[in-house]
Amino acid sequence: MKKWYSTSTSGNQGLIVEDDTGRNVAVTYDKADAALIAAAPAMLEALHTVRELRRAVPNFNGQPVAWVSFDEAVDAAINAAEGKE
């Protein structure tokens, strides 16, 4: 998994940096947004794990409609993060 971290630049901007390489990944105009962007790889990995675990579990409490909605939301988030929309 890629690991990114955020740091501040001048003018209240945020900088997202790849941990392994030190490469600049992105700049945000508000440093408050940098933490969210820096967490993106970890969040994507968590969504992949949730999807794998969910697929291993049958319908819970007889509520397949709720699970279908959940599955669709997770899949949509993963697809958006991977540019597959």
N, C-alpha and C. Protein backbone atom coordinates (compact mmCIF):
# COMPACT_ATOMS: atom_id res chain seq x y z
N MET A 1 0.84 -1.17 0.00
CA MET A 1 0.00 0.00 0.00
C MET A 1 0.88 1.24 0.00
N LYS A 2 0.49 2.20 -0.80
CA LYS A 2 1.17 3.49 -0.77
C LYS A 2 0.85 4.17 0.55
N LYS A 3 1.85 4.82 1.11
CA LYS A 3 1.61 5.62 2.32
C LYS A 3 1.94 7.06 1.99
N TRP A 4 0.99 7.92 2.27
CA TRP A 4 1.16 9.34 2.07
C TRP A 4 1.05 10.03 3.42
N TYR A 5 1.67 11.19 3.52
CA TYR A 5 1.50 12.01 4.70
C TYR A 5 1.31 13.46 4.26
N SER A 6 0.77 14.25 5.17
CA SER A 6 0.53 15.66 4.84
C SER A 6 1.43 16.55 5.67
N THR A 7 1.77 17.66 5.11
CA THR A 7 2.55 18.68 5.79
C THR A 7 2.04 20.04 5.33
N SER A 8 2.45 21.07 6.00
CA SER A 8 2.00 22.42 5.65
C SER A 8 3.03 23.13 4.80
N THR A 9 2.56 24.00 3.93
CA THR A 9 3.42 24.89 3.17
C THR A 9 3.09 26.31 3.57
N SER A 10 3.74 27.23 2.97
CA SER A 10 3.43 28.62 3.27
C SER A 10 2.03 28.96 2.77
N GLY A 11 1.43 29.94 3.36
CA GLY A 11 0.12 30.39 2.89
C GLY A 11 -1.02 29.47 3.23
N ASN A 12 -0.92 28.66 4.30
CA ASN A 12 -2.00 27.78 4.76
C ASN A 12 -2.33 26.67 3.77
N GLN A 13 -1.42 26.35 2.88
CA GLN A 13 -1.64 25.25 1.94
C GLN A 13 -1.15 23.94 2.56
N GLY A 14 -1.66 22.85 2.03
CA GLY A 14 -1.23 21.54 2.47
C GLY A 14 -0.47 20.85 1.35
N LEU A 15 0.48 20.03 1.73
CA LEU A 15 1.27 19.28 0.76
C LEU A 15 1.16 17.81 1.12
N ILE A 16 0.85 16.97 0.14
CA ILE A 16 0.74 15.53 0.35
C ILE A 16 1.97 14.91 -0.29
N VAL A 17 2.68 14.08 0.49
CA VAL A 17 3.95 13.51 0.07
C VAL A 17 3.91 12.00 0.20
N GLU A 18 4.46 11.31 -0.80
CA GLU A 18 4.57 9.85 -0.74
C GLU A 18 5.70 9.49 0.21
N ASP A 19 5.38 8.67 1.20
CA ASP A 19 6.32 8.35 2.27
C ASP A 19 7.59 7.68 1.76
N ASP A 20 7.46 6.70 0.87
CA ASP A 20 8.62 5.92 0.42
C ASP A 20 9.58 6.72 -0.44
N THR A 21 9.05 7.60 -1.27
CA THR A 21 9.89 8.27 -2.26
C THR A 21 10.12 9.76 -1.98
N GLY A 22 9.30 10.35 -1.13
CA GLY A 22 9.38 11.79 -0.89
C GLY A 22 8.79 12.63 -2.01
N ARG A 23 8.15 11.94 -2.96
CA ARG A 23 7.55 12.60 -4.13
C ARG A 23 6.30 13.37 -3.70
N ASN A 24 6.17 14.61 -4.21
CA ASN A 24 4.96 15.39 -3.98
C ASN A 24 3.81 14.77 -4.76
N VAL A 25 2.74 14.47 -4.08
CA VAL A 25 1.57 13.86 -4.70
C VAL A 25 0.54 14.92 -5.06
N ALA A 26 0.33 15.87 -4.16
CA ALA A 26 -0.70 16.89 -4.39
C ALA A 26 -0.47 18.08 -3.48
N VAL A 27 -1.10 19.17 -3.86
CA VAL A 27 -1.12 20.39 -3.03
C VAL A 27 -2.58 20.75 -2.84
N THR A 28 -2.94 21.08 -1.62
CA THR A 28 -4.29 21.55 -1.34
C THR A 28 -4.23 23.04 -0.99
N TYR A 29 -5.27 23.74 -1.31
CA TYR A 29 -5.31 25.17 -1.01
C TYR A 29 -5.65 25.46 0.43
N ASP A 30 -6.12 24.45 1.13
CA ASP A 30 -6.40 24.57 2.55
C ASP A 30 -5.74 23.38 3.23
N LYS A 31 -4.86 23.63 4.18
CA LYS A 31 -4.12 22.53 4.80
C LYS A 31 -5.04 21.54 5.51
N ALA A 32 -6.26 21.97 5.87
CA ALA A 32 -7.20 21.05 6.51
C ALA A 32 -7.60 19.92 5.56
N ASP A 33 -7.57 20.16 4.26
CA ASP A 33 -7.92 19.13 3.28
C ASP A 33 -6.79 18.13 3.07
N ALA A 34 -5.58 18.50 3.41
CA ALA A 34 -4.42 17.65 3.14
C ALA A 34 -4.48 16.32 3.88
N ALA A 35 -4.95 16.33 5.12
CA ALA A 35 -5.04 15.08 5.88
C ALA A 35 -5.99 14.09 5.22
N LEU A 36 -7.11 14.59 4.71
CA LEU A 36 -8.07 13.73 4.03
C LEU A 36 -7.46 13.12 2.77
N ILE A 37 -6.79 13.92 1.98
CA ILE A 37 -6.15 13.42 0.76
C ILE A 37 -5.04 12.44 1.11
N ALA A 38 -4.26 12.75 2.13
CA ALA A 38 -3.17 11.86 2.54
C ALA A 38 -3.69 10.51 3.01
N ALA A 39 -4.91 10.47 3.55
CA ALA A 39 -5.49 9.23 4.04
C ALA A 39 -6.11 8.38 2.94
N ALA A 40 -6.21 8.90 1.73
CA ALA A 40 -6.89 8.20 0.64
C ALA A 40 -6.39 6.78 0.39
N PRO A 41 -5.09 6.52 0.30
CA PRO A 41 -4.65 5.15 0.07
C PRO A 41 -5.09 4.19 1.18
N ALA A 42 -5.02 4.63 2.42
CA ALA A 42 -5.44 3.78 3.54
C ALA A 42 -6.94 3.53 3.51
N MET A 43 -7.71 4.57 3.16
CA MET A 43 -9.17 4.40 3.07
C MET A 43 -9.54 3.45 1.94
N LEU A 44 -8.85 3.55 0.82
CA LEU A 44 -9.12 2.64 -0.29
C LEU A 44 -8.80 1.21 0.10
N GLU A 45 -7.69 1.00 0.77
CA GLU A 45 -7.35 -0.35 1.23
C GLU A 45 -8.40 -0.88 2.20
N ALA A 46 -8.88 -0.03 3.09
CA ALA A 46 -9.92 -0.44 4.03
C ALA A 46 -11.20 -0.83 3.30
N LEU A 47 -11.57 -0.08 2.27
CA LEU A 47 -12.76 -0.42 1.49
C LEU A 47 -12.60 -1.76 0.78
N HIS A 48 -11.42 -2.02 0.25
CA HIS A 48 -11.17 -3.33 -0.37
C HIS A 48 -11.34 -4.45 0.66
N THR A 49 -10.84 -4.24 1.87
CA THR A 49 -10.97 -5.24 2.93
C THR A 49 -12.43 -5.44 3.32
N VAL A 50 -13.17 -4.34 3.45
CA VAL A 50 -14.60 -4.43 3.78
C VAL A 50 -15.33 -5.22 2.71
N ARG A 51 -15.03 -4.94 1.45
CA ARG A 51 -15.70 -5.65 0.36
C ARG A 51 -15.37 -7.14 0.41
N GLU A 52 -14.12 -7.50 0.63
CA GLU A 52 -13.74 -8.91 0.71
C GLU A 52 -14.44 -9.60 1.87
N LEU A 53 -14.47 -8.96 3.03
CA LEU A 53 -15.12 -9.56 4.19
C LEU A 53 -16.62 -9.68 3.97
N ARG A 54 -17.22 -8.67 3.38
CA ARG A 54 -18.66 -8.71 3.13
C ARG A 54 -19.03 -9.83 2.18
N ARG A 55 -18.22 -10.05 1.17
CA ARG A 55 -18.51 -11.10 0.20
C ARG A 55 -18.37 -12.49 0.81
N ALA A 56 -17.67 -12.58 1.92
CA ALA A 56 -17.49 -13.87 2.60
C ALA A 56 -18.64 -14.18 3.55
N VAL A 57 -19.53 -13.20 3.79
CA VAL A 57 -20.62 -13.36 4.75
C VAL A 57 -21.95 -13.40 3.99
N PRO A 58 -22.78 -14.39 4.28
CA PRO A 58 -24.10 -14.43 3.62
C PRO A 58 -24.99 -13.30 4.14
N ASN A 59 -26.18 -13.18 3.55
CA ASN A 59 -27.12 -12.14 3.97
C ASN A 59 -27.28 -12.15 5.48
N PHE A 60 -27.16 -10.99 6.08
CA PHE A 60 -27.18 -10.83 7.52
C PHE A 60 -28.59 -10.51 7.99
N ASN A 61 -29.09 -11.28 8.94
CA ASN A 61 -30.42 -11.05 9.51
C ASN A 61 -31.52 -11.01 8.48
N GLY A 62 -31.34 -11.70 7.37
CA GLY A 62 -32.37 -11.72 6.34
C GLY A 62 -32.62 -10.36 5.72
N GLN A 63 -31.62 -9.49 5.68
CA GLN A 63 -31.79 -8.16 5.13
C GLN A 63 -30.94 -7.96 3.89
N PRO A 64 -31.23 -8.70 2.84
CA PRO A 64 -30.39 -8.59 1.64
C PRO A 64 -30.45 -7.22 0.98
N VAL A 65 -31.57 -6.52 1.09
CA VAL A 65 -31.67 -5.21 0.45
C VAL A 65 -30.67 -4.24 1.08
N ALA A 66 -30.55 -4.28 2.40
CA ALA A 66 -29.58 -3.42 3.08
C ALA A 66 -28.17 -3.76 2.63
N TRP A 67 -27.87 -5.03 2.50
CA TRP A 67 -26.52 -5.43 2.08
C TRP A 67 -26.26 -5.04 0.63
N VAL A 68 -27.27 -5.15 -0.21
CA VAL A 68 -27.08 -4.74 -1.60
C VAL A 68 -26.75 -3.25 -1.67
N SER A 69 -27.46 -2.44 -0.91
CA SER A 69 -27.18 -1.01 -0.88
C SER A 69 -25.78 -0.74 -0.35
N PHE A 70 -25.40 -1.46 0.69
CA PHE A 70 -24.06 -1.33 1.27
C PHE A 70 -23.00 -1.72 0.25
N ASP A 71 -23.20 -2.88 -0.39
CA ASP A 71 -22.24 -3.36 -1.39
C ASP A 71 -22.10 -2.36 -2.54
N GLU A 72 -23.21 -1.81 -2.99
CA GLU A 72 -23.17 -0.84 -4.09
C GLU A 72 -22.41 0.42 -3.68
N ALA A 73 -22.61 0.86 -2.44
CA ALA A 73 -21.92 2.06 -1.96
C ALA A 73 -20.41 1.82 -1.88
N VAL A 74 -20.02 0.67 -1.36
CA VAL A 74 -18.59 0.34 -1.26
C VAL A 74 -17.99 0.21 -2.66
N ASP A 75 -18.66 -0.50 -3.54
CA ASP A 75 -18.15 -0.65 -4.91
C ASP A 75 -18.04 0.70 -5.62
N ALA A 76 -19.02 1.57 -5.44
CA ALA A 76 -18.98 2.88 -6.08
C ALA A 76 -17.81 3.71 -5.56
N ALA A 77 -17.57 3.64 -4.27
CA ALA A 77 -16.45 4.39 -3.68
C ALA A 77 -15.11 3.87 -4.21
N ILE A 78 -14.96 2.56 -4.28
CA ILE A 78 -13.72 1.97 -4.80
C ILE A 78 -13.53 2.35 -6.26
N ASN A 79 -14.59 2.21 -7.05
CA ASN A 79 -14.50 2.56 -8.48
C ASN A 79 -14.13 4.02 -8.67
N ALA A 80 -14.72 4.91 -7.88
CA ALA A 80 -14.40 6.33 -7.99
C ALA A 80 -12.95 6.58 -7.63
N ALA A 81 -12.47 5.93 -6.58
CA ALA A 81 -11.09 6.13 -6.15
C ALA A 81 -10.09 5.58 -7.17
N GLU A 82 -10.49 4.56 -7.90
CA GLU A 82 -9.61 3.96 -8.89
C GLU A 82 -9.85 4.50 -10.31
N GLY A 83 -10.69 5.52 -10.43
CA GLY A 83 -10.95 6.14 -11.71
C GLY A 83 -11.74 5.27 -12.67
N LYS A 84 -12.59 4.41 -12.14
CA LYS A 84 -13.37 3.47 -12.96
C LYS A 84 -14.83 3.88 -13.07
N GLU A 85 -15.16 5.11 -12.75
CA GLU A 85 -16.57 5.56 -12.83
C GLU A 85 -17.03 5.61 -14.25
